[in-house]
């Protein structure tokens, strides 16, 4: 889900960013690519990809997420524990020690 969001945000796929997202004008914390949360008035819209991925995307930690390229972005995601999003919680960063 985050990879598709990355591809849309950075225009890697043939999908228009404006059809899914709007950059948040209040990007004071975290990474500079925060998306605006669309408060969907209907339950059907809440389950769509664009509404579902925004909280996860905006919660990506700026200090461990590398937006420089798709490959580096994928590698940086390996340090993040996304399991809390399965239960509705926040985001936790795992420290990998070989």
C-alpha atoms as a PDB file:
ATOM      1  CA  UNK A   1       0.000   0.000   0.000  1.00  0.00           C
ATOM      2  CA  UNK A   2       2.799   2.447   0.855  1.00  0.00           C
ATOM      3  CA  UNK A   3       4.670   1.543  -2.332  1.00  0.00           C
ATOM      4  CA  UNK A   4       1.692   2.437  -4.502  1.00  0.00           C
ATOM      5  CA  UNK A   5       1.301   5.680  -2.580  1.00  0.00           C
ATOM      6  CA  UNK A   6       5.002   6.455  -3.184  1.00  0.00           C
ATOM      7  CA  UNK A   7       4.585   5.747  -6.893  1.00  0.00           C
ATOM      8  CA  UNK A   8       1.568   8.060  -7.120  1.00  0.00           C
ATOM      9  CA  UNK A   9       3.193  10.866  -5.100  1.00  0.00           C
ATOM     10  CA  UNK A  10       6.396  10.763  -7.176  1.00  0.00           C
ATOM     11  CA  UNK A  11       4.641  10.223 -10.535  1.00  0.00           C
ATOM     12  CA  UNK A  12       6.127   6.793 -11.240  1.00  0.00           C
ATOM     13  CA  UNK A  13       2.801   5.269 -12.326  1.00  0.00           C
ATOM     14  CA  UNK A  14       0.302   6.613 -14.829  1.00  0.00           C
ATOM     15  CA  UNK A  15      -2.145   7.758 -12.173  1.00  0.00           C
ATOM     16  CA  UNK A  16      -2.756  11.422 -11.480  1.00  0.00           C
ATOM     17  CA  UNK A  17      -1.815  12.514  -7.964  1.00  0.00           C
ATOM     18  CA  UNK A  18      -4.726  14.962  -7.882  1.00  0.00           C
ATOM     19  CA  UNK A  19      -7.219  12.123  -8.454  1.00  0.00           C
ATOM     20  CA  UNK A  20      -6.197  10.597  -5.129  1.00  0.00           C
ATOM     21  CA  UNK A  21      -4.463  13.080  -2.859  1.00  0.00           C
ATOM     22  CA  UNK A  22      -3.708  16.671  -1.922  1.00  0.00           C
ATOM     23  CA  UNK A  23      -0.507  17.694  -0.146  1.00  0.00           C
ATOM     24  CA  UNK A  24      -1.189  18.924   3.355  1.00  0.00           C
ATOM     25  CA  UNK A  25      -0.675  22.670   3.775  1.00  0.00           C
ATOM     26  CA  UNK A  26       0.148  22.005   7.461  1.00  0.00           C
ATOM     27  CA  UNK A  27       3.317  19.966   7.019  1.00  0.00           C
ATOM     28  CA  UNK A  28       5.004  21.078  10.247  1.00  0.00           C
ATOM     29  CA  UNK A  29       6.041  17.656  11.546  1.00  0.00           C
ATOM     30  CA  UNK A  30       7.486  14.560   9.983  1.00  0.00           C
ATOM     31  CA  UNK A  31       8.492  14.240   6.368  1.00  0.00           C
ATOM     32  CA  UNK A  32       7.773  16.955   3.765  1.00  0.00           C
ATOM     33  CA  UNK A  33       5.323  14.815   1.760  1.00  0.00           C
ATOM     34  CA  UNK A  34       2.402  14.750   4.196  1.00  0.00           C
ATOM     35  CA  UNK A  35      -0.983  14.273   2.592  1.00  0.00           C
ATOM     36  CA  UNK A  36      -4.197  15.981   3.554  1.00  0.00           C
ATOM     37  CA  UNK A  37      -6.704  13.749   5.313  1.00  0.00           C
ATOM     38  CA  UNK A  38     -10.011  13.569   3.486  1.00  0.00           C
ATOM     39  CA  UNK A  39     -12.818  13.236   6.009  1.00  0.00           C
ATOM     40  CA  UNK A  40     -15.094  10.949   4.057  1.00  0.00           C
ATOM     41  CA  UNK A  41     -18.778  11.485   4.816  1.00  0.00           C
ATOM     42  CA  UNK A  42     -19.739   8.018   3.589  1.00  0.00           C
ATOM     43  CA  UNK A  43     -18.444   4.665   4.865  1.00  0.00           C
ATOM     44  CA  UNK A  44     -17.839   3.467   1.301  1.00  0.00           C
ATOM     45  CA  UNK A  45     -15.308   6.254   0.665  1.00  0.00           C
ATOM     46  CA  UNK A  46     -13.480   5.530   3.934  1.00  0.00           C
ATOM     47  CA  UNK A  47     -12.540   2.095   2.636  1.00  0.00           C
ATOM     48  CA  UNK A  48     -10.968   3.385  -0.577  1.00  0.00           C
ATOM     49  CA  UNK A  49      -7.198   3.258  -0.996  1.00  0.00           C
ATOM     50  CA  UNK A  50      -6.734   7.043  -0.954  1.00  0.00           C
ATOM     51  CA  UNK A  51      -8.499   7.434   2.391  1.00  0.00           C
ATOM     52  CA  UNK A  52      -7.006   4.339   3.967  1.00  0.00           C
ATOM     53  CA  UNK A  53      -3.331   5.016   3.212  1.00  0.00           C
ATOM     54  CA  UNK A  54      -3.078   8.683   4.305  1.00  0.00           C
ATOM     55  CA  UNK A  55      -2.674   8.059   8.066  1.00  0.00           C
ATOM     56  CA  UNK A  56      -0.063   5.388   7.463  1.00  0.00           C
ATOM     57  CA  UNK A  57       1.800   7.565   4.918  1.00  0.00           C
ATOM     58  CA  UNK A  58       1.783  10.633   7.169  1.00  0.00           C
ATOM     59  CA  UNK A  59       3.050   8.539  10.094  1.00  0.00           C
ATOM     60  CA  UNK A  60       6.207   7.444   8.316  1.00  0.00           C
ATOM     61  CA  UNK A  61       9.112   8.705  10.434  1.00  0.00           C
ATOM     62  CA  UNK A  62      11.154  11.389   8.694  1.00  0.00           C
ATOM     63  CA  UNK A  63      14.421  10.294  10.293  1.00  0.00           C
ATOM     64  CA  UNK A  64      14.275   6.695   9.013  1.00  0.00           C
ATOM     65  CA  UNK A  65      12.299   6.993   5.766  1.00  0.00           C
ATOM     66  CA  UNK A  66      14.370   7.697   2.643  1.00  0.00           C
ATOM     67  CA  UNK A  67      12.298   9.218  -0.169  1.00  0.00           C
ATOM     68  CA  UNK A  68      15.307   9.605  -2.506  1.00  0.00           C
ATOM     69  CA  UNK A  69      14.405   6.727  -4.821  1.00  0.00           C
ATOM     70  CA  UNK A  70      11.948   3.849  -4.909  1.00  0.00           C
ATOM     71  CA  UNK A  71      14.675   1.353  -3.987  1.00  0.00           C
ATOM     72  CA  UNK A  72      15.884   3.367  -1.007  1.00  0.00           C
ATOM     73  CA  UNK A  73      12.282   3.947   0.072  1.00  0.00           C
ATOM     74  CA  UNK A  74      11.621   0.166  -0.005  1.00  0.00           C
ATOM     75  CA  UNK A  75      14.759  -0.502   2.019  1.00  0.00           C
ATOM     76  CA  UNK A  76      13.838   2.073   4.646  1.00  0.00           C
ATOM     77  CA  UNK A  77      10.413   0.457   5.104  1.00  0.00           C
ATOM     78  CA  UNK A  78      12.053  -2.728   6.417  1.00  0.00           C
ATOM     79  CA  UNK A  79      12.873  -0.917   9.684  1.00  0.00           C
ATOM     80  CA  UNK A  80       9.261   0.060  10.372  1.00  0.00           C
ATOM     81  CA  UNK A  81       6.742  -2.067  12.236  1.00  0.00           C
ATOM     82  CA  UNK A  82       3.382  -1.608  10.496  1.00  0.00           C
ATOM     83  CA  UNK A  83       1.517  -4.098  12.693  1.00  0.00           C
ATOM     84  CA  UNK A  84       0.031  -1.331  14.822  1.00  0.00           C
ATOM     85  CA  UNK A  85      -1.947  -0.163  11.791  1.00  0.00           C
ATOM     86  CA  UNK A  86      -3.694  -3.513  11.705  1.00  0.00           C
ATOM     87  CA  UNK A  87      -5.179  -2.730  15.125  1.00  0.00           C
ATOM     88  CA  UNK A  88      -5.616   1.024  14.593  1.00  0.00           C
ATOM     89  CA  UNK A  89      -2.641   2.223  16.649  1.00  0.00           C
ATOM     90  CA  UNK A  90       0.377   4.363  15.788  1.00  0.00           C
ATOM     91  CA  UNK A  91       3.668   3.573  14.107  1.00  0.00           C
ATOM     92  CA  UNK A  92       6.758   2.066  15.675  1.00  0.00           C
ATOM     93  CA  UNK A  93      10.309   2.008  14.328  1.00  0.00           C
ATOM     94  CA  UNK A  94      12.331  -1.155  14.802  1.00  0.00           C
ATOM     95  CA  UNK A  95      16.082  -0.968  15.200  1.00  0.00           C
ATOM     96  CA  UNK A  96      17.803  -3.725  13.245  1.00  0.00           C
ATOM     97  CA  UNK A  97      20.979  -5.091  14.740  1.00  0.00           C
ATOM     98  CA  UNK A  98      22.729  -7.905  12.854  1.00  0.00           C
END
